[in-house]
């Protein structure tokens, strides 16, 4: 397999299919060969669907040869996080108890992606039920960053981000409740999108801040996935009406960032930011200015994200941990600790988190967007770190001890989720150790197209998306 084929974007692959210069069989075979080459170092895949992928590639080749007018994503290889249900394909949720679980029905999103003609290469690693910020589980082990497999890929969509950046597939599907798409995108050097609350449906959704979304190497490829997955679903009470927005078209529209007013916050108030991350982020602000944006530094006064995490997510951890213990399963110490602390919360504390504190978070961002079009932050306060088990992060940053390393990993992505805002992480540079740093672009609620457009124009003004790990 040639490097040229490995690093083609989904958009380019589709164009080459239509010009008959490339076939889906070639692409799928190359993707599976790349998987064989690199995944022993990454551990990004749980279940591989090689036989069906090849069968679908043969059918796609036949249909392209017949001259059919096929969807933009038809024949494009994809990986799917192992929290998203895929009918007939093992879905483990990262848990030993579900090691042999095969769903009967597709998630709403996978149903739409299948209808669009994407070809599933396999399911990607996730921590148990997505409960950790790093991708480790007793079922699948540890997933590493493509830039340095001895370091964390982030989570809980770590396998999705790692597989994409490593060249296994041009696109992946993940999920995000407080950063689980954007954090691994940042640590692995991918593009990761968390859309506005309700933009992408989840069947039977009970938690308004969780969503699914795309991970890719290029903004336009993530936009192609958005185009086929957004829109209401009758079984998701939070889903939004269709808007008719065309995200890939917006990503491809020529232009720079002139006229945009962008607020920049280096750390969202509640903790240290690694010096190298801060250096790269500051350089990214200069790149935004060079592309025409007016960038002003500000401070978003959000409530303490670590306290909010415990009060908001803690009861859910308690539920999962009690269920796992009742079934005789081992529980990660960090998850058990969160559950234990959550059990001591009063109903009033939990209620305030879901109502008052969430409103305070939303209003803090609304105050910024009264004067600015977009907000940028580093996606994570530090780059990929040596595997630290379920602690989930480095013990110190700039010599300052972190009492909750795993909480700090998601410190900058948590609050936009709970304000319901669209956000995207795009690569914005590398540390002196060669580790990627993510730029998080956040927009007002429902401004998904504006966020995608700005990210695409920033991407075109830099060359970070052209750099690939040497696996």
Protein backbone atom coordinates (compact mmCIF):
# COMPACT_ATOMS: atom_id res chain seq x y z
CA UNK A 1 0.00 0.00 0.00
CA UNK A 2 1.38 3.41 -0.94
CA UNK A 3 1.51 6.37 1.40
CA UNK A 4 -0.46 8.34 -1.19
CA UNK A 5 -3.42 6.00 -0.80
CA UNK A 6 -3.11 5.81 2.99
CA UNK A 7 -3.44 9.54 3.48
CA UNK A 8 -6.11 10.39 0.91
CA UNK A 9 -9.10 12.24 2.33
CA UNK A 10 -12.62 10.84 2.03
CA UNK A 11 -13.43 13.70 -0.33
CA UNK A 12 -10.48 12.80 -2.58
CA UNK A 13 -11.31 9.09 -2.51
CA UNK A 14 -14.87 9.83 -3.61
CA UNK A 15 -13.66 12.02 -6.46
CA UNK A 16 -11.24 9.32 -7.62
CA UNK A 17 -14.03 6.72 -7.53
CA UNK A 18 -16.14 8.86 -9.81
CA UNK A 19 -13.30 9.47 -12.26
CA UNK A 20 -12.59 5.68 -12.31
CA UNK A 21 -8.99 6.31 -11.20
CA UNK A 22 -9.46 4.35 -7.98
CA UNK A 23 -11.71 1.49 -6.94
CA UNK A 24 -13.38 0.75 -3.59
CA UNK A 25 -11.73 -2.70 -3.61
CA UNK A 26 -8.28 -1.07 -3.77
CA UNK A 27 -9.15 1.33 -0.95
CA UNK A 28 -10.63 -1.29 1.38
CA UNK A 29 -7.77 -3.71 0.76
CA UNK A 30 -5.28 -0.92 1.46
CA UNK A 31 -7.11 0.10 4.65
CA UNK A 32 -7.14 -3.46 5.97
CA UNK A 33 -3.46 -3.85 5.11
CA UNK A 34 -2.68 -0.65 6.99
CA UNK A 35 -4.66 -1.97 9.96
CA UNK A 36 -2.57 -5.14 9.95
CA UNK A 37 0.57 -3.04 9.76
CA UNK A 38 -0.05 -0.61 12.63
CA UNK A 39 -2.74 -1.81 15.01
CA UNK A 40 -0.50 -4.17 16.93
CA UNK A 41 1.20 -1.02 18.23
CA UNK A 42 -1.93 1.09 18.73
CA UNK A 43 -4.59 -1.39 19.87
CA UNK A 44 -7.33 0.73 18.33
CA UNK A 45 -9.58 -2.05 16.96
CA UNK A 46 -11.95 -4.33 18.88
CA UNK A 47 -13.76 -6.17 16.09
CA UNK A 48 -12.64 -6.22 12.44
CA UNK A 49 -15.24 -6.78 9.70
CA UNK A 50 -12.83 -7.55 6.87
CA UNK A 51 -14.97 -10.07 4.98
CA UNK A 52 -18.11 -7.95 4.80
CA UNK A 53 -16.04 -4.85 4.04
CA UNK A 54 -14.50 -6.58 1.03
CA UNK A 55 -17.91 -7.82 -0.14
CA UNK A 56 -19.32 -4.30 0.09
CA UNK A 57 -16.30 -2.92 -1.76
CA UNK A 58 -16.93 -5.31 -4.66
CA UNK A 59 -20.56 -4.18 -4.81
CA UNK A 60 -19.51 -0.52 -4.65
CA UNK A 61 -17.04 -1.07 -7.48
CA UNK A 62 -19.79 -2.60 -9.60
CA UNK A 63 -22.14 0.30 -8.97
CA UNK A 64 -19.52 2.95 -9.76
CA UNK A 65 -18.63 1.10 -12.96
CA UNK A 66 -22.30 1.15 -13.99
CA UNK A 67 -22.32 4.94 -13.78
CA UNK A 68 -24.86 5.23 -10.97
CA UNK A 69 -25.22 8.56 -9.19
CA UNK A 70 -24.16 7.52 -5.69
CA UNK A 71 -23.99 9.43 -2.36
CA UNK A 72 -20.80 11.36 -1.55
CA UNK A 73 -19.71 8.84 1.11
CA UNK A 74 -20.52 5.74 -0.91
CA UNK A 75 -17.69 3.22 -0.66
CA UNK A 76 -15.73 5.22 1.93
CA UNK A 77 -14.14 3.09 4.70
CA UNK A 78 -15.07 4.04 8.26
CA UNK A 79 -14.50 2.77 11.79
CA UNK A 80 -17.16 3.05 14.51
CA UNK A 81 -16.66 3.42 18.25
CA UNK A 82 -17.73 0.36 20.21
CA UNK A 83 -20.40 2.28 22.11
CA UNK A 84 -22.43 2.79 18.92
CA UNK A 85 -24.67 -0.17 18.18
CA UNK A 86 -24.19 -1.99 14.89
CA UNK A 87 -26.75 -4.67 14.06
CA UNK A 88 -25.11 -8.04 13.46
CA UNK A 89 -21.67 -6.75 14.48
CA UNK A 90 -20.28 -7.29 17.96
CA UNK A 91 -20.68 -4.22 20.22
CA UNK A 92 -19.01 -4.63 23.61
CA UNK A 93 -19.25 -1.16 25.20
CA UNK A 94 -15.68 -1.88 26.35
CA UNK A 95 -17.00 -4.24 29.02
CA UNK A 96 -16.10 -7.87 29.68
CA UNK A 97 -19.75 -8.67 30.39
CA UNK A 98 -20.64 -7.69 26.81
CA UNK A 99 -17.69 -9.39 25.12
CA UNK A 100 -20.03 -11.45 22.92
CA UNK A 101 -22.90 -8.97 22.61
CA UNK A 102 -24.31 -8.58 19.09
CA UNK A 103 -27.10 -5.98 18.76
CA UNK A 104 -30.24 -6.64 16.73
CA UNK A 105 -30.67 -3.00 15.71
CA UNK A 106 -28.47 -0.17 14.49
CA UNK A 107 -28.01 3.12 16.28
CA UNK A 108 -29.78 5.92 14.43
CA UNK A 109 -26.47 7.35 13.29
CA UNK A 110 -25.01 4.10 12.02
CA UNK A 111 -28.24 3.42 10.15
CA UNK A 112 -27.80 6.76 8.35
CA UNK A 113 -24.12 6.16 7.65
CA UNK A 114 -24.91 2.70 6.24
CA UNK A 115 -27.62 4.20 4.04
CA UNK A 116 -25.04 6.69 2.76
CA UNK A 117 -22.90 3.74 1.68
CA UNK A 118 -19.95 3.88 4.08
CA UNK A 119 -18.08 0.59 4.49
CA UNK A 120 -17.47 -0.56 8.05
CA UNK A 121 -13.91 -1.76 8.66
CA UNK A 122 -14.56 -2.51 12.32
CA UNK A 123 -15.33 -1.25 15.81
CA UNK A 124 -12.84 0.85 17.80
CA UNK A 125 -11.75 0.68 21.43
CA UNK A 126 -13.42 2.54 24.26
CA UNK A 127 -13.21 2.35 28.06
CA UNK A 128 -16.04 0.55 29.85
CA UNK A 129 -19.26 2.37 28.93
CA UNK A 130 -17.17 5.43 28.05
CA UNK A 131 -16.60 6.19 31.73
CA UNK A 132 -12.90 7.09 31.55
CA UNK A 133 -11.08 9.93 29.81
CA UNK A 134 -8.47 7.48 28.54
CA UNK A 135 -9.08 4.44 26.38
CA UNK A 136 -8.28 1.49 28.62
CA UNK A 137 -10.45 -1.42 29.62
CA UNK A 138 -10.13 -4.89 31.06
CA UNK A 139 -11.59 -6.23 27.83
CA UNK A 140 -9.30 -4.56 25.29
CA UNK A 141 -6.32 -3.22 27.21
CA UNK A 142 -4.56 0.08 26.45
CA UNK A 143 -4.87 2.22 23.29
CA UNK A 144 -1.94 4.49 22.43
CA UNK A 145 -1.42 7.70 20.47
CA UNK A 146 -0.21 7.22 16.88
CA UNK A 147 2.55 9.77 17.53
CA UNK A 148 3.88 7.79 20.49
CA UNK A 149 2.05 4.58 21.43
CA UNK A 150 3.56 4.74 24.92
CA UNK A 151 1.30 7.73 25.52
CA UNK A 152 -2.47 7.94 25.99
CA UNK A 153 -4.81 8.36 23.02
CA UNK A 154 -7.39 10.05 25.25
CA UNK A 155 -10.98 8.94 25.53
CA UNK A 156 -13.47 7.78 25.41
CA UNK A 157 -13.25 7.76 21.57
CA UNK A 158 -9.53 6.96 21.71
CA UNK A 159 -9.62 4.05 19.29
CA UNK A 160 -11.59 6.08 16.76
CA UNK A 161 -9.11 8.97 16.82
CA UNK A 162 -6.04 6.74 16.83
CA UNK A 163 -7.26 4.62 13.91
CA UNK A 164 -7.94 7.67 11.76
CA UNK A 165 -4.68 9.49 12.45
CA UNK A 166 -2.74 6.24 11.89
CA UNK A 167 -4.17 5.98 8.38
CA UNK A 168 -6.48 2.99 8.86
CA UNK A 169 -9.55 4.86 7.60
CA UNK A 170 -10.07 8.49 6.58
CA UNK A 171 -13.04 8.88 8.92
CA UNK A 172 -14.36 7.48 12.19
CA UNK A 173 -17.49 7.75 14.29
CA UNK A 174 -17.32 8.60 17.99
CA UNK A 175 -19.36 10.00 20.87
CA UNK A 176 -18.94 12.90 23.27
CA UNK A 177 -20.55 13.79 26.59
CA UNK A 178 -17.92 16.15 27.95
CA UNK A 179 -15.03 15.89 25.51
CA UNK A 180 -14.88 12.24 24.45
CA UNK A 181 -14.51 13.16 20.77
CA UNK A 182 -12.48 16.35 21.13
CA UNK A 183 -9.99 15.12 23.76
CA UNK A 184 -8.73 12.10 21.77
CA UNK A 185 -8.83 14.21 18.61
CA UNK A 186 -6.46 16.63 20.34
CA UNK A 187 -4.12 14.02 21.81
CA UNK A 188 -3.96 12.09 18.53
CA UNK A 189 -3.93 15.05 16.12
CA UNK A 190 -7.34 14.60 14.47
CA UNK A 191 -10.36 16.75 13.71
CA UNK A 192 -13.22 16.01 16.11
CA UNK A 193 -16.70 17.56 16.11
CA UNK A 194 -19.20 17.84 18.95
CA UNK A 195 -22.33 19.37 17.38
CA UNK A 196 -24.97 21.43 19.16
CA UNK A 197 -27.09 19.45 21.60
CA UNK A 198 -29.76 17.63 19.58
CA UNK A 199 -28.20 18.15 16.16
CA UNK A 200 -27.41 14.42 15.82
CA UNK A 201 -30.05 12.05 17.24
CA UNK A 202 -29.58 9.25 19.74
CA UNK A 203 -32.47 6.79 19.93
CA UNK A 204 -33.99 6.74 23.41
CA UNK A 205 -31.66 9.49 24.59
CA UNK A 206 -32.07 10.28 28.28
CA UNK A 207 -29.12 12.65 28.74
CA UNK A 208 -29.29 15.95 26.81
CA UNK A 209 -25.56 16.72 26.79
CA UNK A 210 -24.35 13.53 25.14
CA UNK A 211 -24.01 13.27 21.39
CA UNK A 212 -22.29 11.32 18.67
CA UNK A 213 -20.10 12.86 16.01
CA UNK A 214 -17.33 12.55 13.44
CA UNK A 215 -13.57 12.22 13.74
CA UNK A 216 -11.42 12.73 10.65
CA UNK A 217 -8.08 13.96 9.36
CA UNK A 218 -9.70 16.85 7.46
CA UNK A 219 -12.52 19.21 8.38
CA UNK A 220 -14.36 18.61 5.11
CA UNK A 221 -14.44 14.86 5.76
CA UNK A 222 -15.98 15.44 9.18
CA UNK A 223 -18.48 17.74 7.47
CA UNK A 224 -19.41 14.99 5.01
CA UNK A 225 -20.34 12.78 7.97
CA UNK A 226 -22.38 15.57 9.52
CA UNK A 227 -24.30 16.03 6.28
CA UNK A 228 -25.74 12.51 6.46
CA UNK A 229 -26.25 12.15 10.23
CA UNK A 230 -27.88 15.42 11.35
CA UNK A 231 -31.63 15.80 11.55
CA UNK A 232 -34.49 14.85 13.87
CA UNK A 233 -35.49 11.38 14.97
CA UNK A 234 -38.88 10.60 16.55
CA UNK A 235 -37.26 8.48 19.29
CA UNK A 236 -34.91 11.24 20.50
CA UNK A 237 -36.81 13.87 22.45
CA UNK A 238 -33.82 16.25 22.29
CA UNK A 239 -33.29 16.09 18.52
CA UNK A 240 -33.48 19.33 16.55
CA UNK A 241 -35.42 20.02 13.36
CA UNK A 242 -33.55 19.84 10.06
CA UNK A 243 -32.03 23.16 8.99
CA UNK A 244 -30.94 22.41 5.46
CA UNK A 245 -27.36 23.45 6.26
CA UNK A 246 -24.77 21.80 4.02
CA UNK A 247 -21.65 21.33 6.10
CA UNK A 248 -19.30 20.01 3.43
CA UNK A 249 -20.28 22.84 1.12
CA UNK A 250 -19.57 25.31 3.93
CA UNK A 251 -16.18 23.70 4.59
CA UNK A 252 -15.21 23.98 0.93
CA UNK A 253 -16.36 27.57 0.43
CA UNK A 254 -13.38 29.79 -0.35
CA UNK A 255 -12.47 32.61 2.00
CA UNK A 256 -10.43 33.48 5.05
CA UNK A 257 -11.39 34.56 8.57
CA UNK A 258 -11.75 38.25 7.81
CA UNK A 259 -14.54 39.90 9.77
CA UNK A 260 -14.66 37.26 12.50
CA UNK A 261 -14.33 38.40 16.10
CA UNK A 262 -12.74 35.59 18.09
CA UNK A 263 -12.35 35.46 21.87
CA UNK A 264 -9.40 33.45 23.19
CA UNK A 265 -9.12 31.88 26.63
CA UNK A 266 -5.90 30.05 27.52
CA UNK A 267 -7.33 27.84 30.26
CA UNK A 268 -10.93 28.49 31.36
CA UNK A 269 -9.91 29.64 34.83
CA UNK A 270 -9.69 26.38 36.80
CA UNK A 271 -6.17 24.98 36.56
CA UNK A 272 -2.77 25.05 34.90
CA UNK A 273 -2.00 24.70 31.18
CA UNK A 274 1.18 22.96 30.10
CA UNK A 275 3.81 25.45 28.93
CA UNK A 276 4.26 23.78 25.55
CA UNK A 277 0.50 23.66 25.00
CA UNK A 278 0.29 27.36 25.85
CA UNK A 279 3.13 28.16 23.45
CA UNK A 280 1.50 26.28 20.57
CA UNK A 281 -1.90 27.81 21.35
CA UNK A 282 -0.43 31.33 21.34
CA UNK A 283 1.12 30.64 17.93
CA UNK A 284 -2.30 29.44 16.72
CA UNK A 285 -3.81 32.77 17.76
CA UNK A 286 -1.24 34.48 15.54
CA UNK A 287 -2.28 32.15 12.69
CA UNK A 288 -5.91 33.14 13.22
CA UNK A 289 -4.95 36.81 13.07
CA UNK A 290 -2.89 36.22 9.94
CA UNK A 291 -5.97 34.64 8.36
CA UNK A 292 -7.93 37.83 9.00
CA UNK A 293 -9.65 37.31 12.34
CA UNK A 294 -9.71 39.85 15.14
CA UNK A 295 -8.58 37.89 18.21
CA UNK A 296 -8.88 39.22 21.75
CA UNK A 297 -7.94 37.39 24.93
CA UNK A 298 -10.70 37.05 27.49
CA UNK A 299 -11.71 34.99 30.53
CA UNK A 300 -14.80 32.79 30.49
CA UNK A 301 -16.03 32.60 34.07
CA UNK A 302 -17.42 29.07 34.11
CA UNK A 303 -18.13 27.19 37.35
CA UNK A 304 -15.52 24.73 38.61
CA UNK A 305 -15.66 21.87 36.04
CA UNK A 306 -14.30 19.23 38.42
CA UNK A 307 -16.98 19.88 41.03
CA UNK A 308 -19.64 20.03 38.32
CA UNK A 309 -18.45 16.74 36.85
CA UNK A 310 -18.95 14.94 40.15
CA UNK A 311 -22.35 16.48 40.82
CA UNK A 312 -23.68 16.01 37.28
CA UNK A 313 -22.11 12.74 36.11
CA UNK A 314 -21.50 11.14 39.52
CA UNK A 315 -24.97 9.56 39.88
CA UNK A 316 -24.57 7.91 36.47
CA UNK A 317 -21.21 6.49 37.52
CA UNK A 318 -22.87 5.18 40.68
CA UNK A 319 -25.51 3.39 38.64
CA UNK A 320 -22.99 1.75 36.32
CA UNK A 321 -20.64 0.76 39.15
CA UNK A 322 -23.42 -0.79 41.23
CA UNK A 323 -24.61 -2.77 38.19
CA UNK A 324 -21.09 -4.00 37.44
CA UNK A 325 -20.45 -5.00 41.05
CA UNK A 326 -23.80 -6.80 41.20
CA UNK A 327 -22.65 -8.87 38.21
CA UNK A 328 -19.32 -9.70 39.83
CA UNK A 329 -17.27 -7.49 37.50
CA UNK A 330 -14.12 -5.65 38.50
CA UNK A 331 -14.47 -1.87 38.49
CA UNK A 332 -11.72 0.58 37.62
CA UNK A 333 -10.58 2.30 40.87
CA UNK A 334 -11.22 5.79 39.45
CA UNK A 335 -14.79 4.91 38.47
CA UNK A 336 -15.34 3.35 41.88
CA UNK A 337 -13.97 6.47 43.58
CA UNK A 338 -16.29 8.75 41.60
CA UNK A 339 -19.24 6.49 42.45
CA UNK A 340 -18.33 6.49 46.14
CA UNK A 341 -18.11 10.27 46.25
CA UNK A 342 -21.35 10.56 44.29
CA UNK A 343 -23.14 8.37 46.84
CA UNK A 344 -22.41 11.02 49.48
CA UNK A 345 -24.03 13.83 47.47
CA UNK A 346 -27.34 15.24 48.61
CA UNK A 347 -30.33 15.37 46.24
CA UNK A 348 -30.09 19.16 46.43
CA UNK A 349 -26.50 19.12 45.18
CA UNK A 350 -27.35 16.86 42.27
CA UNK A 351 -30.42 18.93 41.43
CA UNK A 352 -28.50 22.20 41.47
CA UNK A 353 -25.90 20.79 39.06
CA UNK A 354 -28.54 19.78 36.53
CA UNK A 355 -30.40 23.08 36.76
CA UNK A 356 -28.65 26.07 38.29
CA UNK A 357 -25.02 25.23 37.48
CA UNK A 358 -25.83 24.27 33.91
CA UNK A 359 -27.60 27.58 33.50
CA UNK A 360 -24.58 29.39 34.94
CA UNK A 361 -22.36 27.60 32.42
CA UNK A 362 -24.61 28.61 29.55
CA UNK A 363 -24.77 32.23 30.68
CA UNK A 364 -20.98 32.43 31.03
CA UNK A 365 -20.64 31.53 27.35
CA UNK A 366 -23.60 33.71 26.33
CA UNK A 367 -21.76 36.67 27.86
CA UNK A 368 -18.78 35.97 25.60
CA UNK A 369 -20.90 35.54 22.49
CA UNK A 370 -22.63 38.85 23.08
CA UNK A 371 -19.39 40.44 21.83
CA UNK A 372 -17.67 37.70 19.80
CA UNK A 373 -18.57 35.30 17.01
CA UNK A 374 -16.47 32.39 18.26
CA UNK A 375 -14.33 31.34 21.21
CA UNK A 376 -11.06 29.40 21.03
CA UNK A 377 -9.21 27.50 23.76
CA UNK A 378 -6.67 24.72 23.82
CA UNK A 379 -8.65 21.48 23.56
CA UNK A 380 -6.73 19.89 26.41
CA UNK A 381 -4.53 21.52 29.05
CA UNK A 382 -1.65 19.15 28.25
CA UNK A 383 -0.60 16.91 25.34
CA UNK A 384 -0.57 13.12 25.25
CA UNK A 385 1.03 11.76 28.44
CA UNK A 386 2.63 8.43 29.36
CA UNK A 387 0.00 5.80 30.14
CA UNK A 388 -1.14 6.36 33.70
CA UNK A 389 -3.81 3.72 34.11
CA UNK A 390 -7.23 4.89 35.15
CA UNK A 391 -5.71 7.94 36.88
CA UNK A 392 -6.28 9.45 33.45
CA UNK A 393 -3.63 12.14 33.32
CA UNK A 394 -0.25 13.44 34.47
CA UNK A 395 0.34 13.92 38.20
CA UNK A 396 1.74 17.43 37.68
CA UNK A 397 1.59 20.22 35.12
CA UNK A 398 4.37 22.81 35.16
CA UNK A 399 5.39 21.37 38.53
CA UNK A 400 1.91 21.96 39.98
CA UNK A 401 0.28 18.82 41.42
CA UNK A 402 -3.14 17.83 40.05
CA UNK A 403 -5.49 16.31 42.57
CA UNK A 404 -7.74 14.87 39.84
CA UNK A 405 -5.62 14.32 36.70
CA UNK A 406 -8.40 12.61 34.78
CA UNK A 407 -10.79 15.46 35.47
CA UNK A 408 -8.27 18.03 34.27
CA UNK A 409 -7.88 16.19 30.96
CA UNK A 410 -11.49 17.13 30.08
CA UNK A 411 -11.44 20.45 31.93
CA UNK A 412 -11.61 22.58 28.77
CA UNK A 413 -14.15 20.47 26.86
CA UNK A 414 -16.66 19.72 29.61
CA UNK A 415 -18.41 23.08 29.92
CA UNK A 416 -19.17 23.69 26.20
CA UNK A 417 -20.99 20.34 26.21
CA UNK A 418 -23.20 21.36 29.12
CA UNK A 419 -23.98 24.69 27.50
CA UNK A 420 -25.18 22.72 24.45
CA UNK A 421 -22.69 24.47 22.17
CA UNK A 422 -21.10 23.27 18.94
CA UNK A 423 -17.34 22.74 19.24
CA UNK A 424 -14.58 21.32 17.09
CA UNK A 425 -10.99 20.37 17.79
CA UNK A 426 -8.47 20.86 14.98
CA UNK A 427 -4.70 20.30 15.06
CA UNK A 428 -2.85 23.58 15.64
CA UNK A 429 0.77 22.57 16.11
CA UNK A 430 3.19 20.28 17.91
CA UNK A 431 5.13 20.40 21.14
CA UNK A 432 8.93 20.23 21.20
CA UNK A 433 8.51 16.46 21.76
CA UNK A 434 6.50 16.11 18.55
CA UNK A 435 3.10 15.70 20.20
CA UNK A 436 0.01 17.29 18.63
CA UNK A 437 -1.94 20.11 20.27
CA UNK A 438 -5.61 20.76 19.52
CA UNK A 439 -7.36 24.09 19.01
CA UNK A 440 -10.94 24.02 20.29
CA UNK A 441 -13.30 26.32 18.37
CA UNK A 442 -16.61 26.90 20.16
CA UNK A 443 -19.63 28.69 18.74
CA UNK A 444 -22.99 29.91 20.04
CA UNK A 445 -25.67 27.25 20.22
CA UNK A 446 -26.91 26.20 16.77
CA UNK A 447 -23.93 27.89 15.02
CA UNK A 448 -22.58 24.54 13.81
CA UNK A 449 -22.02 25.78 10.26
CA UNK A 450 -20.04 28.79 11.48
CA UNK A 451 -17.79 26.53 13.58
CA UNK A 452 -17.17 24.12 10.68
CA UNK A 453 -16.49 27.00 8.28
CA UNK A 454 -13.99 28.67 10.59
CA UNK A 455 -12.22 25.38 11.29
CA UNK A 456 -11.91 24.61 7.57
CA UNK A 457 -10.50 28.06 6.82
CA UNK A 458 -8.03 27.81 9.67
CA UNK A 459 -7.00 24.37 8.40
CA UNK A 460 -6.37 25.75 4.90
CA UNK A 461 -4.26 28.57 6.35
CA UNK A 462 -1.92 26.09 8.09
CA UNK A 463 -0.29 22.79 7.19
CA UNK A 464 -0.91 20.74 10.34
CA UNK A 465 -3.35 18.34 8.66
CA UNK A 466 -0.67 17.31 6.17
CA UNK A 467 1.60 15.86 8.88
CA UNK A 468 1.33 12.18 9.69
CA UNK A 469 2.88 9.90 12.32
CA UNK A 470 5.74 7.63 11.31
CA UNK A 471 4.13 4.36 12.40
